[in-house]
Amino acid sequence: MIAIIDSGGANIASVQFALERLSAESVLTKDVKIIQSADKVLLPGVGAAPIAMPHLAKYELIDCIRGLTQPVMGICLGMQLLFAASPEGNTPLLGIFDADCETFTPSHGRSVPHMGWNRLSTRQDHPLMAGVEEGAHVYFVHSYFARPVNSHHMVGTIEY
């Protein structure tokens, strides 16, 4: 079973619908025991780190997430929350990865937030990339990025 952490973000229904289409058993929850007993955990979210972290704290999910030993995948803001800190409100995050998220710097031809399609470079030997072709187009809407902490854990990248 996949536990979807109810982080209060706006993309949770999209994650649930995607899992339903894949016939994957999942549950949306804030319950620590359910999250800890899940086979896999998703941390989705669209929003802002300074709002999401107090939401996680309110439901005593910070230590829960930090202590998980099963696979955990952060989606959108959820991925940002896995890092140590964010310039967004100078917010301390979960600290799963010992690195900080960074803000894109606007430059010629590169607006912030980054909104648009990019080609994905993938690690084809990773199960998360099964069925995803090298160079597939992926849509992004974000202002923050994370530098790879360890290239061994990186399964896909884009250039922006």
Protein backbone atom coordinates (compact mmCIF):
# COMPACT_ATOMS: atom_id res chain seq x y z
CA MET A 1 0.00 0.00 0.00
CA ILE A 2 1.16 3.53 -0.79
CA ALA A 3 0.58 6.24 1.81
CA ILE A 4 0.03 9.69 0.37
CA ILE A 5 0.86 12.19 3.10
CA ASP A 6 -1.85 14.81 3.37
CA SER A 7 0.51 17.77 3.31
CA GLY A 8 -2.26 20.26 2.59
CA GLY A 9 -0.93 20.85 -0.93
CA ALA A 10 -2.99 21.51 -4.02
CA ASN A 11 -1.87 18.60 -6.22
CA ILE A 12 -2.94 15.75 -3.95
CA ALA A 13 -6.03 14.84 -5.99
CA SER A 14 -3.87 14.60 -9.14
CA VAL A 15 -1.56 12.15 -7.37
CA GLN A 16 -4.52 10.07 -6.17
CA PHE A 17 -6.04 9.95 -9.69
CA ALA A 18 -2.70 8.94 -11.21
CA LEU A 19 -2.37 6.05 -8.75
CA GLU A 20 -5.96 4.98 -9.42
CA ARG A 21 -5.23 4.85 -13.16
CA LEU A 22 -2.28 2.59 -12.36
CA SER A 23 -4.51 0.39 -10.14
CA ALA A 24 -2.16 1.09 -7.22
CA GLU A 25 -3.64 0.80 -3.73
CA SER A 26 -3.17 4.07 -1.88
CA VAL A 27 -4.57 6.05 1.02
CA LEU A 28 -4.46 9.79 1.72
CA THR A 29 -3.55 10.20 5.38
CA LYS A 30 -2.07 12.25 8.19
CA ASP A 31 -2.02 9.18 10.45
CA VAL A 32 1.54 8.45 11.59
CA LYS A 33 0.91 4.71 12.09
CA ILE A 34 -0.54 4.29 8.59
CA ILE A 35 2.39 6.20 7.08
CA GLN A 36 4.95 4.15 9.02
CA SER A 37 3.36 0.85 7.97
CA ALA A 38 3.02 1.70 4.26
CA ASP A 39 5.18 -0.06 1.67
CA LYS A 40 5.92 3.26 -0.04
CA VAL A 41 5.24 6.89 0.85
CA LEU A 42 4.49 9.88 -1.37
CA LEU A 43 4.90 13.45 -0.11
CA PRO A 44 3.11 15.67 -2.64
CA GLY A 45 2.41 19.36 -2.42
CA VAL A 46 1.88 22.58 -4.27
CA GLY A 47 2.25 25.65 -2.18
CA ALA A 48 4.90 27.25 -0.03
CA ALA A 49 7.40 25.73 2.39
CA PRO A 50 6.64 28.29 5.16
CA ILE A 51 3.03 27.05 5.15
CA ALA A 52 3.70 23.34 4.59
CA MET A 53 6.20 22.85 7.43
CA PRO A 54 3.85 24.11 10.20
CA HIS A 55 1.11 21.92 8.67
CA LEU A 56 3.37 18.86 8.95
CA ALA A 57 4.32 19.88 12.52
CA LYS A 58 0.66 20.30 13.52
CA TYR A 59 0.02 16.63 12.70
CA GLU A 60 3.35 15.43 14.18
CA LEU A 61 4.57 14.31 10.76
CA ILE A 62 8.05 15.84 10.78
CA ASP A 63 9.70 13.19 12.96
CA CYS A 64 7.55 10.53 11.29
CA ILE A 65 8.86 11.43 7.84
CA ARG A 66 12.44 11.77 9.08
CA GLY A 67 12.28 8.26 10.54
CA LEU A 68 10.82 6.43 7.53
CA THR A 69 12.90 3.55 6.16
CA GLN A 70 10.71 2.57 3.19
CA PRO A 71 10.94 4.35 -0.18
CA VAL A 72 9.73 7.97 0.01
CA MET A 73 9.13 10.16 -3.02
CA GLY A 74 8.64 13.92 -2.81
CA ILE A 75 6.58 15.48 -5.58
CA CYS A 76 6.81 19.21 -6.34
CA LEU A 77 6.86 21.04 -2.98
CA GLY A 78 7.16 17.61 -1.34
CA MET A 79 10.57 17.14 -2.95
CA GLN A 80 11.66 20.59 -1.79
CA LEU A 81 10.62 19.72 1.77
CA LEU A 82 13.02 16.75 1.83
CA PHE A 83 16.00 19.13 1.77
CA ALA A 84 17.60 20.97 4.70
CA ALA A 85 16.45 24.52 3.96
CA SER A 86 14.83 26.73 1.39
CA PRO A 87 15.34 30.39 0.57
CA GLU A 88 11.54 30.58 0.50
CA GLY A 89 10.94 32.41 3.75
CA ASN A 90 14.34 31.14 5.00
CA THR A 91 12.49 28.00 6.04
CA PRO A 92 14.11 25.03 7.78
CA LEU A 93 12.85 21.86 6.10
CA LEU A 94 12.90 18.12 6.88
CA GLY A 95 16.66 17.70 6.38
CA ILE A 96 16.47 14.25 4.79
CA PHE A 97 19.07 15.49 2.29
CA ASP A 98 21.95 17.55 3.64
CA ALA A 99 21.62 20.26 1.02
CA ASP A 100 19.50 23.35 0.43
CA CYS A 101 17.04 24.17 -2.32
CA GLU A 102 18.00 27.15 -4.42
CA THR A 103 16.08 29.83 -6.29
CA PHE A 104 16.41 30.10 -10.05
CA THR A 105 18.10 33.30 -11.15
CA PRO A 106 16.25 35.08 -13.95
CA SER A 107 18.36 35.53 -17.06
CA HIS A 108 17.89 36.12 -20.77
CA GLY A 109 15.44 33.46 -21.97
CA ARG A 110 14.97 32.01 -18.49
CA SER A 111 12.09 33.41 -16.48
CA VAL A 112 11.23 32.72 -12.86
CA PRO A 113 9.05 30.91 -12.16
CA HIS A 114 10.11 28.36 -14.73
CA MET A 115 6.95 27.39 -16.62
CA GLY A 116 7.14 25.19 -19.65
CA TRP A 117 8.16 21.99 -21.32
CA ASN A 118 11.65 20.54 -21.08
CA ARG A 119 13.26 17.36 -22.36
CA LEU A 120 14.08 14.82 -19.69
CA SER A 121 17.40 13.00 -19.47
CA THR A 122 16.86 9.75 -17.62
CA ARG A 123 18.75 6.95 -15.97
CA GLN A 124 17.22 4.15 -18.00
CA ASP A 125 18.22 1.43 -15.53
CA HIS A 126 15.99 2.83 -12.77
CA PRO A 127 12.48 1.41 -12.19
CA LEU A 128 10.99 4.90 -11.81
CA MET A 129 11.95 5.56 -15.42
CA ALA A 130 10.43 2.33 -16.81
CA GLY A 131 8.51 3.29 -19.93
CA VAL A 132 9.81 6.86 -19.97
CA GLU A 133 11.75 7.54 -23.14
CA GLU A 134 15.01 9.49 -23.13
CA GLY A 135 14.16 13.04 -24.19
CA ALA A 136 10.49 12.79 -23.13
CA HIS A 137 8.82 16.16 -22.64
CA VAL A 138 7.92 17.07 -19.04
CA TYR A 139 6.02 20.18 -17.93
CA PHE A 140 7.30 22.30 -15.03
CA VAL A 141 5.98 25.17 -12.92
CA HIS A 142 8.53 26.03 -10.23
CA SER A 143 10.91 28.66 -8.87
CA TYR A 144 13.21 26.42 -6.84
CA PHE A 145 15.58 23.61 -7.68
CA ALA A 146 17.76 21.14 -5.86
CA ARG A 147 21.32 20.39 -6.82
CA PRO A 148 21.98 16.65 -6.84
CA VAL A 149 23.31 15.51 -3.46
CA ASN A 150 24.51 12.20 -4.85
CA SER A 151 24.34 11.32 -8.54
CA HIS A 152 23.60 7.71 -7.55
CA HIS A 153 20.14 8.84 -6.35
CA MET A 154 19.42 11.01 -9.40
CA VAL A 155 17.12 9.33 -11.94
CA GLY A 156 16.23 12.22 -14.20
CA THR A 157 17.38 15.74 -15.00
CA ILE A 158 16.48 18.68 -17.21
CA GLU A 159 18.46 21.71 -18.24
CA TYR A 160 17.08 25.12 -17.30
